[in-house]
Protein backbone atom coordinates (compact mmCIF):
# COMPACT_ATOMS: atom_id res chain seq x y z
CA MET A 1 19.13 -10.24 1.75
CA ASN A 2 18.36 -13.93 2.15
CA GLN A 3 20.81 -16.47 3.55
CA TYR A 4 20.20 -18.96 0.74
CA SER A 5 20.08 -18.08 -2.95
CA HIS A 6 17.39 -18.84 -5.50
CA PHE A 7 20.05 -19.13 -8.22
CA THR A 8 22.40 -22.04 -8.99
CA PHE A 9 25.32 -19.71 -9.81
CA GLN A 10 26.83 -16.37 -8.83
CA GLY A 11 27.40 -13.41 -11.06
CA SER A 12 31.13 -13.85 -10.62
CA ASP A 13 30.82 -17.28 -12.30
CA ILE A 14 29.86 -15.56 -15.54
CA ILE A 15 31.20 -12.01 -15.53
CA ARG A 16 34.91 -11.43 -16.14
CA PRO A 17 36.47 -9.82 -13.03
CA GLN A 18 38.47 -7.43 -15.21
CA THR A 19 35.45 -6.14 -17.15
CA THR A 20 35.41 -2.38 -17.62
CA VAL A 21 31.76 -2.16 -18.69
CA ASP A 22 29.73 0.06 -16.37
CA PRO A 23 27.16 -2.09 -14.48
CA VAL A 24 24.39 0.39 -15.36
CA GLU A 25 24.83 -0.70 -19.00
CA TRP A 26 23.84 -4.33 -18.51
CA ARG A 27 21.74 -6.67 -16.40
CA LEU A 28 22.20 -10.35 -15.59
CA LEU A 29 19.19 -12.66 -15.43
CA GLY A 30 19.26 -16.16 -14.01
CA SER A 31 16.78 -19.03 -14.08
CA LEU A 32 14.75 -19.21 -10.88
CA HIS A 33 15.57 -22.23 -8.70
CA LEU A 34 13.62 -22.05 -5.47
CA PRO A 35 15.72 -23.20 -2.50
CA ASP A 36 14.37 -25.51 0.19
CA ARG A 37 14.96 -22.64 2.64
CA PHE A 38 15.51 -18.92 2.16
CA ASN A 39 16.60 -18.19 5.73
CA ASP A 40 17.21 -19.90 9.05
CA PRO A 41 14.88 -18.96 11.94
CA GLN A 42 16.17 -16.40 14.43
CA GLY A 43 13.93 -17.23 17.38
CA GLY A 44 10.89 -15.12 16.52
CA ALA A 45 7.32 -16.30 15.98
CA VAL A 46 6.89 -18.43 12.86
CA ARG A 47 3.70 -18.89 10.86
CA ARG A 48 2.61 -21.05 7.92
CA ALA A 49 1.22 -19.56 4.69
CA VAL A 50 0.47 -20.97 1.25
CA VAL A 51 0.83 -19.49 -2.22
CA VAL A 52 -2.00 -20.39 -4.60
CA ASP A 53 -2.32 -20.05 -8.36
CA VAL A 54 -4.85 -21.23 -10.92
CA GLU A 55 -4.90 -21.59 -14.68
CA THR A 56 -8.31 -21.20 -16.26
CA THR A 57 -10.22 -21.52 -19.52
CA GLY A 58 -10.22 -17.73 -19.89
CA LEU A 59 -10.14 -14.45 -17.99
CA SER A 60 -13.78 -14.15 -16.90
CA THR A 61 -14.52 -14.96 -13.25
CA ASP A 62 -18.18 -15.38 -14.22
CA ASN A 63 -17.97 -17.55 -17.34
CA ASP A 64 -14.63 -19.37 -17.19
CA ASP A 65 -13.47 -22.31 -15.09
CA VAL A 66 -10.36 -23.70 -13.40
CA ILE A 67 -8.19 -26.14 -15.38
CA GLN A 68 -5.19 -26.26 -13.03
CA LEU A 69 -4.61 -25.55 -9.34
CA ALA A 70 -1.27 -25.29 -7.54
CA MET A 71 -0.45 -24.69 -3.88
CA LEU A 72 2.95 -24.14 -2.27
CA PRO A 73 3.15 -23.99 1.57
CA PHE A 74 5.97 -22.15 3.35
CA ASP A 75 6.94 -20.79 6.76
CA TYR A 76 7.82 -17.18 7.50
CA GLU A 77 8.98 -15.08 10.42
CA VAL A 78 6.14 -12.87 11.61
CA GLU A 79 8.05 -9.82 12.80
CA SER A 80 10.55 -9.50 9.96
CA GLY A 81 8.69 -11.11 7.08
CA ARG A 82 11.72 -13.32 6.32
CA ILE A 83 10.80 -16.43 4.34
CA LEU A 84 12.07 -19.58 6.06
CA THR A 85 11.30 -23.14 4.91
CA VAL A 86 9.67 -23.87 1.56
CA HIS A 87 7.60 -27.05 1.96
CA LYS A 88 8.18 -28.47 -1.50
CA ALA A 89 7.24 -31.99 -0.40
CA HIS A 90 3.75 -30.72 0.43
CA ALA A 91 3.31 -28.71 -2.78
CA PHE A 92 0.38 -29.63 -5.00
CA GLU A 93 -0.39 -29.23 -8.69
CA GLY A 94 -3.32 -30.85 -10.44
CA LEU A 95 -5.45 -30.61 -13.58
CA ARG A 96 -9.23 -30.73 -13.79
CA GLN A 97 -11.76 -30.95 -16.58
CA PRO A 98 -13.63 -27.63 -16.78
CA TYR A 99 -17.29 -27.00 -17.48
CA VAL A 100 -16.45 -24.96 -20.58
CA PRO A 101 -13.83 -25.46 -23.34
CA ILE A 102 -10.39 -23.88 -23.04
CA THR A 103 -10.18 -20.73 -25.14
CA GLU A 104 -7.52 -20.49 -27.82
CA GLU A 105 -5.79 -17.66 -25.96
CA ALA A 106 -5.67 -19.60 -22.68
CA GLY A 107 -4.31 -22.64 -24.49
CA LEU A 108 -1.55 -20.60 -26.09
CA ILE A 109 -0.60 -19.03 -22.75
CA THR A 110 -0.66 -22.15 -20.59
CA GLY A 111 0.04 -24.93 -23.07
CA ILE A 112 -2.87 -26.85 -21.53
CA THR A 113 -5.30 -28.43 -23.99
CA ASP A 114 -8.79 -29.91 -23.69
CA ASP A 115 -7.29 -33.37 -24.24
CA MET A 116 -4.90 -32.91 -21.30
CA VAL A 117 -7.71 -32.12 -18.85
CA ALA A 118 -10.28 -34.60 -20.15
CA GLY A 119 -11.39 -36.83 -17.28
CA GLN A 120 -9.11 -35.08 -14.77
CA SER A 121 -10.29 -33.99 -11.31
CA ILE A 122 -8.80 -32.57 -8.13
CA ASP A 123 -9.48 -34.24 -4.78
CA GLY A 124 -11.03 -31.66 -2.44
CA ASP A 125 -9.68 -33.51 0.60
CA ILE A 126 -6.12 -33.02 -0.66
CA VAL A 127 -6.77 -29.32 -1.22
CA ALA A 128 -8.19 -28.92 2.28
CA ALA A 129 -5.27 -30.80 3.86
CA THR A 130 -2.70 -28.68 2.01
CA ILE A 131 -4.07 -25.38 3.31
CA ALA A 132 -5.26 -26.62 6.72
CA ASP A 133 -2.31 -25.21 8.69
CA ALA A 134 -2.00 -22.00 6.69
CA GLY A 135 -2.92 -18.80 8.48
CA LEU A 136 -2.76 -16.85 5.21
CA VAL A 137 -3.42 -17.66 1.55
CA ILE A 138 -1.47 -15.53 -0.93
CA ALA A 139 -1.91 -15.09 -4.68
CA HIS A 140 -0.64 -12.71 -7.33
CA ASN A 141 -3.99 -11.18 -8.35
CA ALA A 142 -6.07 -12.67 -5.56
CA ALA A 143 -9.17 -10.88 -6.88
CA PHE A 144 -9.17 -13.46 -9.67
CA ASP A 145 -7.76 -16.57 -7.96
CA ARG A 146 -9.93 -16.38 -4.85
CA VAL A 147 -13.17 -16.11 -6.78
CA MET A 148 -12.19 -19.04 -8.99
CA VAL A 149 -11.08 -21.46 -6.24
CA GLU A 150 -14.05 -20.74 -3.98
CA LYS A 151 -16.34 -22.05 -6.73
CA HIS A 152 -14.92 -25.55 -6.23
CA TRP A 153 -13.17 -25.81 -2.86
CA PRO A 154 -15.07 -24.39 0.15
CA CYS A 155 -11.98 -24.77 2.37
CA PHE A 156 -10.70 -21.47 0.94
CA VAL A 157 -13.74 -19.49 2.09
CA ASP A 158 -12.80 -19.02 5.75
CA LYS A 159 -9.10 -18.36 5.14
CA PRO A 160 -7.60 -14.86 5.27
CA TRP A 161 -6.23 -13.87 1.86
CA ALA A 162 -3.48 -11.52 0.70
CA CYS A 163 -2.28 -10.34 -2.70
CA THR A 164 1.22 -9.57 -3.96
CA LEU A 165 -0.19 -7.56 -6.88
CA ASP A 166 -2.67 -5.39 -5.00
CA SER A 167 -0.94 -4.90 -1.64
CA ILE A 168 2.09 -2.99 -2.92
CA ASN A 169 2.27 0.22 -4.94
CA TRP A 170 4.75 -1.18 -7.44
CA LEU A 171 4.93 2.12 -9.32
CA ARG A 172 6.10 3.96 -6.20
CA GLU A 173 8.71 1.25 -5.69
CA GLY A 174 10.14 1.99 -9.14
CA PHE A 175 8.39 -0.64 -11.29
CA SER A 176 6.31 0.26 -14.34
CA ALA A 177 4.04 -2.79 -14.08
CA GLY A 178 2.95 -5.46 -11.61
CA LYS A 179 3.00 -8.58 -13.78
CA LEU A 180 4.72 -11.47 -12.05
CA ASP A 181 7.16 -12.29 -14.86
CA TYR A 182 8.13 -8.62 -15.25
CA LEU A 183 8.74 -8.19 -11.51
CA GLY A 184 10.84 -11.34 -11.51
CA MET A 185 13.07 -9.97 -14.25
CA GLN A 186 13.50 -6.73 -12.33
CA PHE A 187 14.72 -8.77 -9.36
CA GLY A 188 17.05 -10.77 -11.59
CA TRP A 189 15.32 -13.98 -12.59
CA PHE A 190 13.22 -15.56 -15.33
CA TYR A 191 11.11 -18.70 -15.12
CA GLY A 192 8.82 -20.92 -17.16
CA GLY A 193 5.63 -19.08 -16.31
CA HIS A 194 1.93 -19.64 -16.95
CA ARG A 195 1.76 -23.06 -15.36
CA ALA A 196 0.31 -22.91 -11.89
CA LEU A 197 3.16 -24.32 -9.77
CA ALA A 198 5.81 -22.30 -11.63
CA ASP A 199 3.81 -19.16 -10.90
CA CYS A 200 3.55 -20.16 -7.23
CA GLU A 201 7.32 -20.50 -7.04
CA ALA A 202 7.80 -17.10 -8.68
CA CYS A 203 5.32 -15.52 -6.28
CA LEU A 204 7.13 -17.02 -3.29
CA ALA A 205 10.50 -15.79 -4.62
CA LEU A 206 8.94 -12.34 -4.91
CA LEU A 207 7.73 -12.51 -1.29
CA ALA A 208 11.33 -13.16 -0.22
CA GLN A 209 12.64 -9.94 -1.79
CA SER A 210 13.12 -6.48 -0.26
CA LEU A 211 11.45 -3.49 -1.92
CA PRO A 212 13.98 -1.09 -3.48
CA LYS A 213 12.51 2.20 -2.22
CA SER A 214 10.96 1.41 1.16
CA GLY A 215 13.41 -1.38 2.04
CA GLN A 216 10.53 -3.42 3.45
CA ARG A 217 10.38 -7.14 2.74
CA VAL A 218 7.59 -7.98 0.31
CA MET A 219 6.14 -10.60 2.69
CA ALA A 220 6.00 -8.05 5.52
CA ALA A 221 4.26 -5.50 3.28
CA VAL A 222 1.74 -8.05 2.02
CA ARG A 223 0.92 -9.28 5.54
CA GLU A 224 0.58 -5.71 6.77
CA ALA A 225 -1.90 -4.93 4.00
CA ALA A 226 -3.86 -8.10 4.76
CA ARG A 227 -4.27 -7.09 8.41
CA LYS A 228 -5.89 -3.76 7.49
CA THR A 229 -9.62 -3.18 7.65
CA ASP A 230 -11.11 -1.67 4.49
CA TYR A 231 -14.62 -0.58 3.58
CA LEU A 232 -16.60 -1.17 0.43
CA VAL A 233 -18.15 2.18 -0.48
CA ARG A 234 -20.95 2.16 -3.06
CA ALA A 235 -22.13 5.25 -4.91
CA VAL A 236 -25.70 4.00 -5.36
CA ASP A 237 -27.75 5.87 -8.02
CA ALA A 238 -24.93 8.34 -8.65
CA PRO A 239 -25.86 10.88 -11.35
CA TYR A 240 -24.77 9.73 -14.80
CA ASP A 241 -22.86 12.91 -15.53
CA MET A 242 -20.62 12.20 -12.52
CA LYS A 243 -19.15 9.02 -14.05
CA ASP A 244 -15.93 10.66 -15.22
CA LYS A 245 -15.35 12.26 -11.84
CA LEU A 246 -15.93 8.89 -10.15
CA LYS A 247 -13.52 7.14 -12.53
CA GLN A 248 -10.84 9.74 -11.85
CA ARG A 249 -11.32 9.09 -8.14
CA GLY A 250 -10.66 5.38 -8.71
CA TYR A 251 -14.24 4.09 -8.64
CA ARG A 252 -15.14 1.05 -10.73
CA TRP A 253 -18.45 0.13 -12.35
CA ARG A 254 -20.21 -3.07 -11.31
CA PRO A 255 -22.53 -4.18 -14.14
CA ALA A 256 -26.27 -4.57 -13.63
CA GLU A 257 -26.24 -8.32 -14.31
CA LEU A 258 -24.11 -8.99 -11.22
CA GLN A 259 -25.42 -9.24 -7.66
CA ASN A 260 -25.93 -5.75 -6.19
CA GLY A 261 -24.75 -4.36 -9.50
CA ARG A 262 -25.40 -1.18 -11.47
CA VAL A 263 -23.28 0.79 -9.05
CA TRP A 264 -19.98 2.68 -8.84
CA TRP A 265 -17.80 1.32 -6.05
CA SER A 266 -14.42 1.64 -4.37
CA THR A 267 -12.61 0.43 -1.26
CA THR A 268 -10.99 2.66 1.34
CA ASP A 269 -9.60 2.58 4.87
CA ASP A 270 -11.17 6.01 5.55
CA PRO A 271 -14.90 5.65 4.81
CA GLU A 272 -15.87 8.88 6.56
CA SER A 273 -13.72 10.99 4.24
CA GLU A 274 -14.90 9.09 1.18
CA ILE A 275 -18.57 9.51 2.09
CA ALA A 276 -17.98 13.22 2.69
CA TRP A 277 -16.37 13.53 -0.77
CA LEU A 278 -19.28 11.73 -2.45
CA ARG A 279 -21.86 13.92 -0.75
CA ALA A 280 -20.00 17.12 -1.65
CA LYS A 281 -18.74 16.32 -5.15
CA VAL A 282 -21.15 13.73 -6.58
CA TYR A 283 -24.56 13.95 -4.91
CA GLY A 284 -24.52 17.56 -3.74
CA GLN A 285 -26.64 16.57 -0.75
CA ASP A 286 -26.67 14.45 2.43
CA ALA A 287 -27.17 11.13 0.61
CA THR A 288 -27.20 7.69 2.27
CA ILE A 289 -24.03 5.90 1.18
CA PRO A 290 -23.35 2.26 2.18
CA ALA A 291 -19.90 1.48 3.60
CA ASP A 292 -19.39 -2.18 4.49
CA ARG A 293 -16.44 -3.55 6.46
CA ILE A 294 -13.93 -5.82 4.68
CA THR A 295 -11.21 -7.91 6.33
CA ALA A 296 -8.79 -10.48 4.92
CA ARG A 297 -11.46 -13.16 5.35
CA GLU A 298 -13.72 -11.45 2.78
CA ARG A 299 -11.27 -9.38 0.72
CA TYR A 300 -11.03 -10.34 -2.98
CA SER A 301 -14.10 -12.56 -2.69
CA ASP A 302 -17.45 -12.05 -4.41
CA ARG A 303 -18.96 -12.63 -0.97
CA ILE A 304 -18.38 -8.95 -0.13
CA TRP A 305 -21.43 -8.30 -2.31
CA SER A 306 -23.73 -10.98 -0.92
CA ALA A 307 -24.20 -9.26 2.44
CA ASN A 308 -25.15 -5.89 0.96
């Protein structure tokens, strides 16, 4: 529970006290109104983080471009993961003219048109100043957002990143999907999504929640995942007839046109076991299998491929 609510009303303001309808038969949703503070500090160590979101011309990290960037800084308690102050006065949202036209689908989703972004730009100094004090950058689907922002703003390169979508097994926590608007509804709110700052606010509200099965705060779980060391394991020249077995194991195909492409790959925190599995089940011999270290400073970035 948080000390301060992200709603402007209580359920008792709407629901009749004498209602006899079983609560399992209905659900109340409220509009998300982010408070200036979720909790008061309790004397533990406090750190700064920033939530980032982008809107783009399309869904390709290779061919599409950023049309809107938003950043929302906040403070959190390290040990508990409790969200403290939301620094709304230092939030940023800006439009920029992309290198390619906005696709029809992206325009329908975001409401942003080519006319709206014509001649617009985002000051890199403002971006750098907004994230300067942040020890962690967080996005919902950081594998997309990080690649897109690093194309334009180098200040993001050296920051540790975390992801609210990837860091939590939402299925095991009782959710059938990990989309931000769906998760928000499961926690009781709706919001005007698909504009960058609104998505930042929804992501921050999600970070302030406690997971229903584990009881862990989302921020604590996300930070814990960010602190892990993973390894990029590449099944180089794996036999073609092993592709289904690799897919079942969770491996993904990196196309030939990309740097260090034409390879099946996965990430793991136990590279020795993964290499042993590949040798036994895929190669059938003592093959050389690359396993490269990944930390929060490289995770979700295309730079994990440049050093291999």
